[in-house]
Amino acid sequence: MHKLSDPNFQRTLTLEQAYMLLVQFVEQYNARGESSTLDLLGDLSMTVWSDGGSGDPAQLSDFLRVADQVLGPAGHGA
């Protein structure tokens, strides 16, 4: 299970890349079926669990997967 303190989350990106990452992440989230903004925010919430994970632990892995698609794999000039 990933946490925001993991090294893979310590990447620097431009605002353009951040926006592209946001859009692609929301698109892949919604591709699984109709979801409300409240569902998405609940799944991403860092306050649900005290261990630094998200409300839905799979979301951090999904986010990293989308980040690799937008930015390239971590450690390769991103």
C-alpha atoms as a PDB file:
ATOM      1  CA  MET A   1       0.000   0.000   0.000  1.00  0.00           C
ATOM      2  CA  HIS A   2       1.369   3.411  -0.997  1.00  0.00           C
ATOM      3  CA  LYS A   3       1.548   6.530   1.167  1.00  0.00           C
ATOM      4  CA  LEU A   4       2.315  10.122   0.206  1.00  0.00           C
ATOM      5  CA  SER A   5       5.620   9.813   2.057  1.00  0.00           C
ATOM      6  CA  ASP A   6       6.797   7.173  -0.466  1.00  0.00           C
ATOM      7  CA  PRO A   7       9.708   8.312  -2.683  1.00  0.00           C
ATOM      8  CA  ASN A   8       7.553   7.853  -5.804  1.00  0.00           C
ATOM      9  CA  PHE A   9       5.460  10.830  -4.672  1.00  0.00           C
ATOM     10  CA  GLN A  10       8.497  13.107  -4.354  1.00  0.00           C
ATOM     11  CA  ARG A  11       8.591  14.179  -8.000  1.00  0.00           C
ATOM     12  CA  THR A  12       8.698  17.733  -9.320  1.00  0.00           C
ATOM     13  CA  LEU A  13       6.454  18.722 -12.189  1.00  0.00           C
ATOM     14  CA  THR A  14       5.216  21.799 -13.997  1.00  0.00           C
ATOM     15  CA  LEU A  15       1.705  23.157 -13.584  1.00  0.00           C
ATOM     16  CA  GLU A  16       0.975  21.948 -17.114  1.00  0.00           C
ATOM     17  CA  GLN A  17       2.015  18.420 -16.151  1.00  0.00           C
ATOM     18  CA  ALA A  18       0.018  18.660 -12.912  1.00  0.00           C
ATOM     19  CA  TYR A  19      -3.098  19.626 -14.851  1.00  0.00           C
ATOM     20  CA  MET A  20      -2.602  16.828 -17.398  1.00  0.00           C
ATOM     21  CA  LEU A  21      -2.115  14.373 -14.540  1.00  0.00           C
ATOM     22  CA  LEU A  22      -5.279  15.591 -12.811  1.00  0.00           C
ATOM     23  CA  VAL A  23      -7.368  15.271 -15.973  1.00  0.00           C
ATOM     24  CA  GLN A  24      -6.085  11.788 -16.819  1.00  0.00           C
ATOM     25  CA  PHE A  25      -6.495  10.589 -13.241  1.00  0.00           C
ATOM     26  CA  VAL A  26     -10.119  11.772 -13.086  1.00  0.00           C
ATOM     27  CA  GLU A  27     -10.792  10.239 -16.520  1.00  0.00           C
ATOM     28  CA  GLN A  28      -9.489   6.826 -15.428  1.00  0.00           C
ATOM     29  CA  TYR A  29     -11.431   7.093 -12.154  1.00  0.00           C
ATOM     30  CA  ASN A  30     -14.672   7.843 -14.007  1.00  0.00           C
ATOM     31  CA  ALA A  31     -14.018   5.105 -16.593  1.00  0.00           C
ATOM     32  CA  ARG A  32     -14.897   2.588 -13.872  1.00  0.00           C
ATOM     33  CA  GLY A  33     -18.445   3.942 -13.730  1.00  0.00           C
ATOM     34  CA  GLU A  34     -20.430   7.002 -12.794  1.00  0.00           C
ATOM     35  CA  SER A  35     -19.062   8.644  -9.668  1.00  0.00           C
ATOM     36  CA  SER A  36     -19.735  11.940  -8.013  1.00  0.00           C
ATOM     37  CA  THR A  37     -17.111  14.478  -7.060  1.00  0.00           C
ATOM     38  CA  LEU A  38     -17.888  13.628  -3.427  1.00  0.00           C
ATOM     39  CA  ASP A  39     -17.092   9.950  -4.095  1.00  0.00           C
ATOM     40  CA  LEU A  40     -13.770  10.912  -5.672  1.00  0.00           C
ATOM     41  CA  LEU A  41     -12.839  13.251  -2.827  1.00  0.00           C
ATOM     42  CA  GLY A  42     -13.797  10.628  -0.234  1.00  0.00           C
ATOM     43  CA  ASP A  43     -11.638   8.033  -1.977  1.00  0.00           C
ATOM     44  CA  LEU A  44      -8.716  10.473  -2.048  1.00  0.00           C
ATOM     45  CA  SER A  45      -9.166  11.794   1.494  1.00  0.00           C
ATOM     46  CA  MET A  46      -6.066  11.586   3.646  1.00  0.00           C
ATOM     47  CA  THR A  47      -8.087  11.983   6.859  1.00  0.00           C
ATOM     48  CA  VAL A  48     -10.015   8.706   6.772  1.00  0.00           C
ATOM     49  CA  TRP A  49      -7.113   6.605   8.057  1.00  0.00           C
ATOM     50  CA  SER A  50      -4.374   7.639  10.472  1.00  0.00           C
ATOM     51  CA  ASP A  51      -1.604   5.829   8.578  1.00  0.00           C
ATOM     52  CA  GLY A  52      -1.123   8.379   5.795  1.00  0.00           C
ATOM     53  CA  GLY A  53      -3.079   6.368   3.259  1.00  0.00           C
ATOM     54  CA  SER A  54      -6.083   7.519   1.261  1.00  0.00           C
ATOM     55  CA  GLY A  55      -9.749   6.723   1.868  1.00  0.00           C
ATOM     56  CA  ASP A  56      -9.448   4.097  -0.871  1.00  0.00           C
ATOM     57  CA  PRO A  57      -5.854   2.810  -0.713  1.00  0.00           C
ATOM     58  CA  ALA A  58      -5.958   1.733  -4.361  1.00  0.00           C
ATOM     59  CA  GLN A  59      -6.236   5.394  -5.428  1.00  0.00           C
ATOM     60  CA  LEU A  60      -2.613   6.156  -4.568  1.00  0.00           C
ATOM     61  CA  SER A  61      -1.446   3.268  -6.758  1.00  0.00           C
ATOM     62  CA  ASP A  62      -3.777   4.413  -9.535  1.00  0.00           C
ATOM     63  CA  PHE A  63      -2.407   7.956  -9.230  1.00  0.00           C
ATOM     64  CA  LEU A  64       1.182   6.739  -9.532  1.00  0.00           C
ATOM     65  CA  ARG A  65       0.259   4.664 -12.585  1.00  0.00           C
ATOM     66  CA  VAL A  66      -1.273   7.730 -14.274  1.00  0.00           C
ATOM     67  CA  ALA A  67       1.754   9.829 -13.232  1.00  0.00           C
ATOM     68  CA  ASP A  68       4.028   7.344 -15.006  1.00  0.00           C
ATOM     69  CA  GLN A  69       1.842   7.645 -18.123  1.00  0.00           C
ATOM     70  CA  VAL A  70       1.952  11.459 -18.080  1.00  0.00           C
ATOM     71  CA  LEU A  71       5.513  12.008 -16.854  1.00  0.00           C
ATOM     72  CA  GLY A  72       7.282   8.781 -17.715  1.00  0.00           C
ATOM     73  CA  PRO A  73       8.514   6.318 -15.105  1.00  0.00           C
ATOM     74  CA  ALA A  74       9.950   7.775 -11.898  1.00  0.00           C
ATOM     75  CA  GLY A  75      13.714   8.249 -12.031  1.00  0.00           C
ATOM     76  CA  HIS A  76      13.821   8.861 -15.795  1.00  0.00           C
ATOM     77  CA  GLY A  77      14.174  12.627 -16.047  1.00  0.00           C
ATOM     78  CA  ALA A  78      10.688  13.521 -14.793  1.00  0.00           C
END
